[in-house]
Amino acid sequence: MTSFQQIATTCLVAAVVLGSLESAQAASRRFHETASPDGSLVVFVSNVESRHAKIFVERADGTGRAQLTDEEYSDTAPAWSPDGKRIAFMSDRNGRWQIFVMDRDGTHVQQLSRDDTSNNDGSPHWSPDGKRIAFTSNRSDKWQVYTMHADGTRVEELSRDETGAMAPKYAPDGRLAYLAERGTALRAPLYDLVIVEGDKRSTLCAKSPIKDFAWCHDELIAYGVGGEIVFHDFTKGTDRTVRLVDIDARLDSHAAFEFRWKPRQNVLSCRIRFMGGVQEGAIVYGENQLLTITPTGMAQLMDREDDD
């Protein structure tokens, strides 16, 4: 594999004081909320009505909710196709996790990944032209990143990392980023954030406890490290770091996950999770709460995913 190249950056730091925002609502049991490309619909996962995770869709204003999957198995990680007509997802309906695709109304379900071993495939992500889907699989013993044609053919291993890789996501210009495993520190998993452009690979953030990341646009990517969200500008070679601080817990005690970029609003949407270590009697804000944040550090806690 091409050796990784470190990207030098400068750092700007801002802080989001969670206690000074509006009070967090009760923790939602909605996950993987993603707006359709045209912003009219939101797909999400919930296990409120079943012991199994199910995929739902509703209008951007929260009306017209419909359950797309309803059998006795779990379905999760829905991903819109670029044209908004189909949804890729992972399901254990065949006894192990595999990747499927369905129309936006839940019809015409087709299995895409067909590994004949007992291994698992998941975390699908469409290329911007809709011709390929990147995914994670352990079909070669370790978790690695693969790509396949949108019809499930022409499967190719992309990462070939000695210690494993996961969570592939395409940029609008077709570059791909993923997390490469790099051991643990204080029981927290460490990753490199790897950027793939053709045959070239570079490391943006090395051996860090990254929770999630998202492309904002071709020249901006956001990733979460512990209690911080970092916006990296490829053009300027600079970072803006936004720290999540709970004013009552007096700790940088939150981690961000489920990153989604909302281009129409120019904000990053994510969920925040309290990581423990709070003073007795302190109020913990933002547990599993949706947070939107701009690259300049302006943030707001939300009740639900809104129009993209």
Protein backbone atom coordinates (compact mmCIF):
# COMPACT_ATOMS: atom_id res chain seq x y z
CA MET A 1 0.00 0.00 0.00
CA THR A 2 1.12 3.54 -0.66
CA SER A 3 2.74 4.95 2.46
CA PHE A 4 0.74 7.53 4.36
CA GLN A 5 1.69 11.20 4.14
CA GLN A 6 1.10 13.39 7.14
CA ILE A 7 -0.70 16.68 6.48
CA ALA A 8 0.65 19.61 8.54
CA THR A 9 -2.01 21.94 9.93
CA THR A 10 -2.42 24.98 12.12
CA CYS A 11 -5.16 25.03 14.74
CA LEU A 12 -7.88 27.50 15.78
CA VAL A 13 -9.93 26.65 18.87
CA ALA A 14 -13.47 27.64 19.83
CA ALA A 15 -15.75 26.24 22.52
CA VAL A 16 -19.36 25.13 22.61
CA VAL A 17 -20.61 25.41 26.19
CA LEU A 18 -23.49 22.94 26.23
CA GLY A 19 -25.01 24.21 29.44
CA SER A 20 -25.47 27.68 27.94
CA LEU A 21 -27.57 26.36 25.07
CA GLU A 22 -31.24 25.49 25.32
CA SER A 23 -31.93 22.57 27.65
CA ALA A 24 -31.63 19.11 26.12
CA GLN A 25 -34.82 17.17 25.57
CA ALA A 26 -35.28 13.55 26.55
CA ALA A 27 -32.87 11.25 24.74
CA SER A 28 -34.25 10.25 21.35
CA ARG A 29 -34.30 6.70 20.12
CA ARG A 30 -33.85 7.82 16.52
CA PHE A 31 -30.51 7.16 14.87
CA HIS A 32 -28.81 7.52 11.49
CA GLU A 33 -31.06 10.44 10.53
CA THR A 34 -30.25 11.61 7.01
CA ALA A 35 -32.09 14.02 4.73
CA SER A 36 -32.72 13.05 1.12
CA PRO A 37 -30.64 14.88 -1.52
CA ASP A 38 -33.53 17.23 -2.32
CA GLY A 39 -34.23 17.84 1.38
CA SER A 40 -37.87 16.73 1.20
CA LEU A 41 -37.55 13.52 3.27
CA VAL A 42 -35.63 12.25 6.27
CA VAL A 43 -34.74 8.57 6.68
CA PHE A 44 -33.89 7.28 10.16
CA VAL A 45 -33.59 4.14 12.30
CA SER A 46 -35.64 3.47 15.43
CA ASN A 47 -36.33 0.55 17.77
CA VAL A 48 -39.15 2.26 19.69
CA GLU A 49 -41.88 0.08 18.20
CA SER A 50 -39.89 -3.15 17.99
CA ARG A 51 -37.02 -4.93 19.69
CA HIS A 52 -35.38 -4.88 16.25
CA ALA A 53 -34.03 -1.73 14.62
CA LYS A 54 -36.27 -0.60 11.74
CA ILE A 55 -35.92 2.01 9.00
CA PHE A 56 -38.47 4.83 8.73
CA VAL A 57 -38.97 7.80 6.44
CA GLU A 58 -40.92 11.00 6.98
CA ARG A 59 -41.29 14.45 5.44
CA ALA A 60 -38.79 17.07 6.46
CA ASP A 61 -41.42 18.76 8.64
CA GLY A 62 -41.92 15.54 10.65
CA THR A 63 -45.24 14.52 9.06
CA GLY A 64 -46.14 11.50 6.94
CA ARG A 65 -44.04 8.95 8.78
CA ALA A 66 -43.82 5.54 7.13
CA GLN A 67 -42.04 2.38 8.26
CA LEU A 68 -40.00 0.95 5.38
CA THR A 69 -38.82 -2.34 6.91
CA ASP A 70 -40.98 -4.48 9.19
CA GLU A 71 -39.81 -8.08 9.34
CA GLU A 72 -38.32 -9.93 12.32
CA TYR A 73 -34.75 -8.79 11.80
CA SER A 74 -32.71 -5.64 12.23
CA ASP A 75 -32.12 -3.01 9.54
CA THR A 76 -29.85 -0.01 9.98
CA ALA A 77 -27.35 2.44 8.43
CA PRO A 78 -29.63 3.75 5.63
CA ALA A 79 -27.87 5.75 2.89
CA TRP A 80 -29.61 7.75 0.15
CA SER A 81 -28.54 7.30 -3.46
CA PRO A 82 -27.43 10.63 -5.02
CA ASP A 83 -30.65 10.86 -7.06
CA GLY A 84 -32.78 10.21 -3.95
CA LYS A 85 -34.63 7.30 -5.55
CA ARG A 86 -33.06 4.42 -3.57
CA ILE A 87 -31.79 3.67 -0.08
CA ALA A 88 -28.93 1.30 0.67
CA PHE A 89 -28.87 -0.26 4.13
CA MET A 90 -27.46 -3.14 6.16
CA SER A 91 -29.61 -5.98 7.48
CA ASP A 92 -29.19 -9.27 9.35
CA ARG A 93 -32.26 -10.84 7.69
CA ASN A 94 -30.12 -13.67 6.28
CA GLY A 95 -28.48 -14.48 9.60
CA ARG A 96 -25.51 -12.14 9.16
CA TRP A 97 -25.08 -8.51 8.20
CA GLN A 98 -25.31 -7.88 4.46
CA ILE A 99 -25.99 -4.83 2.29
CA PHE A 100 -29.36 -4.36 0.60
CA VAL A 101 -31.01 -1.63 -1.45
CA MET A 102 -34.67 -0.60 -1.73
CA ASP A 103 -36.74 2.08 -3.39
CA ARG A 104 -37.42 5.16 -1.27
CA ASP A 105 -40.90 3.79 -0.45
CA GLY A 106 -39.50 0.47 0.85
CA THR A 107 -40.37 -1.62 -2.22
CA HIS A 108 -38.13 -3.64 -4.55
CA VAL A 109 -35.67 -4.78 -1.88
CA GLN A 110 -32.56 -6.39 -3.37
CA GLN A 111 -29.50 -7.93 -1.73
CA LEU A 112 -26.27 -6.40 -3.05
CA SER A 113 -23.41 -8.02 -1.11
CA ARG A 114 -23.29 -11.81 -1.50
CA ASP A 115 -20.21 -13.07 0.32
CA ASP A 116 -20.56 -16.85 0.67
CA THR A 117 -18.65 -17.02 3.97
CA SER A 118 -20.00 -16.36 7.46
CA ASN A 119 -18.61 -12.82 7.48
CA ASN A 120 -20.47 -9.51 7.61
CA ASP A 121 -20.83 -6.42 5.40
CA GLY A 122 -22.10 -2.99 6.46
CA SER A 123 -21.84 0.82 6.50
CA PRO A 124 -22.78 1.44 2.85
CA HIS A 125 -22.01 4.82 1.26
CA TRP A 126 -22.79 5.86 -2.34
CA SER A 127 -20.27 7.45 -4.67
CA PRO A 128 -21.40 10.92 -5.84
CA ASP A 129 -22.19 9.63 -9.34
CA GLY A 130 -24.28 6.77 -7.93
CA LYS A 131 -22.28 4.12 -9.77
CA ARG A 132 -20.48 2.54 -6.80
CA ILE A 133 -21.08 1.82 -3.13
CA ALA A 134 -18.29 1.71 -0.55
CA PHE A 135 -18.75 -0.55 2.47
CA THR A 136 -16.97 -2.29 5.34
CA SER A 137 -16.51 -6.07 5.50
CA ASN A 138 -14.56 -8.65 7.49
CA ARG A 139 -14.54 -11.16 4.61
CA SER A 140 -10.70 -11.08 4.62
CA ASP A 141 -10.43 -11.81 8.40
CA LYS A 142 -9.88 -8.16 9.36
CA TRP A 143 -12.38 -5.39 8.75
CA GLN A 144 -11.51 -3.66 5.49
CA VAL A 145 -13.04 -1.11 3.13
CA TYR A 146 -14.45 -2.40 -0.16
CA THR A 147 -16.27 -0.92 -3.12
CA MET A 148 -18.77 -2.52 -5.50
CA HIS A 149 -20.90 -1.47 -8.44
CA ALA A 150 -24.35 -0.22 -7.44
CA ASP A 151 -25.83 -3.52 -8.62
CA GLY A 152 -23.56 -5.53 -6.28
CA THR A 153 -21.03 -6.67 -8.90
CA ARG A 154 -17.30 -5.96 -9.24
CA VAL A 155 -16.40 -6.07 -5.53
CA GLU A 156 -12.89 -4.69 -4.89
CA GLU A 157 -10.90 -4.41 -1.66
CA LEU A 158 -9.73 -0.81 -1.28
CA SER A 159 -7.97 -0.44 2.07
CA ARG A 160 -5.80 -3.57 2.44
CA ASP A 161 -4.70 -2.24 5.83
CA GLU A 162 -2.66 -4.55 8.05
CA THR A 163 -4.65 -3.67 11.16
CA GLY A 164 -8.08 -3.11 9.61
CA ALA A 165 -10.23 -0.26 8.25
CA MET A 166 -13.87 0.86 8.36
CA ALA A 167 -16.46 3.62 7.82
CA PRO A 168 -15.85 4.71 4.20
CA LYS A 169 -17.40 8.00 3.02
CA TYR A 170 -17.18 9.69 -0.36
CA ALA A 171 -16.50 13.38 -0.89
CA PRO A 172 -18.55 15.25 -3.53
CA ASP A 173 -15.53 15.15 -5.89
CA GLY A 174 -15.16 11.37 -5.57
CA ARG A 175 -12.33 11.18 -3.06
CA LEU A 176 -12.88 8.62 -0.31
CA ALA A 177 -12.07 8.79 3.40
CA TYR A 178 -12.07 5.97 5.93
CA LEU A 179 -10.82 5.08 9.41
CA ALA A 180 -7.79 2.76 9.75
CA GLU A 181 -7.39 0.97 13.08
CA ARG A 182 -4.27 1.87 15.06
CA GLY A 183 -4.56 0.06 18.42
CA THR A 184 -5.86 1.51 21.69
CA ALA A 185 -4.89 4.01 24.37
CA LEU A 186 -6.55 4.00 27.80
CA ARG A 187 -8.98 1.41 26.38
CA ALA A 188 -10.10 3.84 23.66
CA PRO A 189 -9.67 2.68 20.03
CA LEU A 190 -7.32 4.78 17.92
CA TYR A 191 -7.64 5.47 14.20
CA ASP A 192 -5.97 7.21 11.31
CA LEU A 193 -8.30 9.27 9.14
CA VAL A 194 -7.16 8.22 5.66
CA ILE A 195 -7.90 10.16 2.47
CA VAL A 196 -7.85 8.23 -0.83
CA GLU A 197 -7.47 10.04 -4.14
CA GLY A 198 -6.85 7.65 -7.00
CA ASP A 199 -3.76 5.63 -6.11
CA LYS A 200 -2.64 8.16 -3.46
CA ARG A 201 -3.31 7.86 0.26
CA SER A 202 -2.66 10.45 2.94
CA THR A 203 -3.32 10.58 6.69
CA LEU A 204 -5.12 13.62 8.01
CA CYS A 205 -5.27 12.71 11.71
CA ALA A 206 -3.02 9.93 13.05
CA LYS A 207 -3.59 7.56 16.00
CA SER A 208 -6.50 9.52 17.47
CA PRO A 209 -9.73 8.47 19.25
CA ILE A 210 -11.89 9.55 16.29
CA LYS A 211 -15.61 8.88 16.82
CA ASP A 212 -16.95 9.88 13.40
CA PHE A 213 -16.37 12.20 10.45
CA ALA A 214 -18.16 13.76 7.47
CA TRP A 215 -17.21 15.54 4.28
CA CYS A 216 -18.64 19.06 4.31
CA HIS A 217 -17.56 19.80 0.74
CA ASP A 218 -14.56 19.00 -1.43
CA GLU A 219 -12.17 21.16 0.58
CA LEU A 220 -13.62 20.80 4.09
CA ILE A 221 -13.95 17.71 6.30
CA ALA A 222 -15.12 17.47 9.92
CA TYR A 223 -14.19 14.79 12.44
CA GLY A 224 -14.75 14.20 16.15
CA VAL A 225 -11.89 13.46 18.54
CA GLY A 226 -12.97 12.94 22.13
CA GLY A 227 -14.74 16.11 23.25
CA GLU A 228 -13.73 18.11 20.17
CA ILE A 229 -14.97 18.60 16.62
CA VAL A 230 -12.29 19.52 14.10
CA PHE A 231 -12.99 21.22 10.75
CA HIS A 232 -10.05 20.74 8.39
CA ASP A 233 -9.67 23.06 5.39
CA PHE A 234 -7.63 21.32 2.68
CA THR A 235 -7.09 24.54 0.70
CA LYS A 236 -5.67 26.51 3.63
CA GLY A 237 -4.14 23.51 5.42
CA THR A 238 -5.71 24.70 8.68
CA ASP A 239 -7.90 23.24 11.45
CA ARG A 240 -10.65 24.92 13.44
CA THR A 241 -11.28 22.94 16.64
CA VAL A 242 -14.59 23.29 18.47
CA ARG A 243 -14.56 21.95 22.03
CA LEU A 244 -17.70 20.50 23.63
CA VAL A 245 -17.82 21.71 27.24
CA ASP A 246 -20.59 20.98 29.74
CA ILE A 247 -20.85 24.05 31.96
CA ASP A 248 -22.36 22.06 34.86
CA ALA A 249 -20.14 18.99 34.64
CA ARG A 250 -17.09 21.30 34.34
CA LEU A 251 -15.54 18.81 31.97
CA ASP A 252 -14.85 18.39 28.26
CA SER A 253 -17.04 15.35 28.68
CA HIS A 254 -18.96 14.88 25.44
CA ALA A 255 -18.12 13.03 22.27
CA ALA A 256 -19.77 13.64 18.89
CA PHE A 257 -20.97 10.91 16.51
CA GLU A 258 -23.42 10.39 13.61
CA PHE A 259 -21.92 13.23 11.60
CA ARG A 260 -24.04 14.61 8.72
CA TRP A 261 -23.27 17.69 6.63
CA LYS A 262 -26.33 19.83 5.73
CA PRO A 263 -25.27 21.83 2.65
CA ARG A 264 -28.34 24.05 2.41
CA GLN A 265 -27.81 25.33 5.94
CA ASN A 266 -24.00 25.12 5.86
CA VAL A 267 -23.96 23.29 9.20
CA LEU A 268 -22.74 19.96 10.55
CA SER A 269 -25.38 17.83 12.25
CA CYS A 270 -24.25 15.29 14.84
CA ARG A 271 -25.28 13.66 18.10
CA ILE A 272 -23.43 14.14 21.34
CA ARG A 273 -22.87 11.57 24.05
CA PHE A 274 -21.83 12.10 27.65
CA MET A 275 -18.67 10.14 28.40
CA GLY A 276 -18.83 10.00 32.22
CA GLY A 277 -17.04 11.66 35.13
CA VAL A 278 -19.60 14.19 36.37
CA GLN A 279 -19.80 15.91 39.74
CA GLU A 280 -22.58 14.71 42.04
CA GLY A 281 -25.79 16.65 41.46
CA ALA A 282 -24.60 18.24 38.22
CA ILE A 283 -26.93 18.51 35.26
CA VAL A 284 -25.72 16.76 32.13
CA TYR A 285 -26.76 18.51 28.93
CA GLY A 286 -26.97 16.98 25.51
CA GLU A 287 -27.03 13.22 26.11
CA ASN A 288 -27.80 11.71 22.68
CA GLN A 289 -29.02 15.16 21.60
CA LEU A 290 -28.80 16.48 18.06
CA LEU A 291 -26.33 19.33 17.69
CA THR A 292 -25.85 21.54 14.65
CA ILE A 293 -22.64 23.48 14.36
CA THR A 294 -21.13 25.75 11.71
CA PRO A 295 -17.45 25.63 10.70
CA THR A 296 -17.02 28.89 12.63
CA GLY A 297 -18.25 27.33 15.88
CA MET A 298 -21.86 28.58 16.10
CA ALA A 299 -23.95 25.76 17.62
CA GLN A 300 -27.52 24.88 18.54
CA LEU A 301 -29.12 21.88 20.25
CA MET A 302 -32.05 20.49 18.27
CA ASP A 303 -35.15 18.44 19.10
CA ARG A 304 -35.01 16.52 15.81
CA GLU A 305 -33.43 16.46 12.37
CA ASP A 306 -34.83 19.30 10.27
CA ASP A 307 -34.87 20.13 6.56
CA ASP A 308 -31.53 19.81 4.81
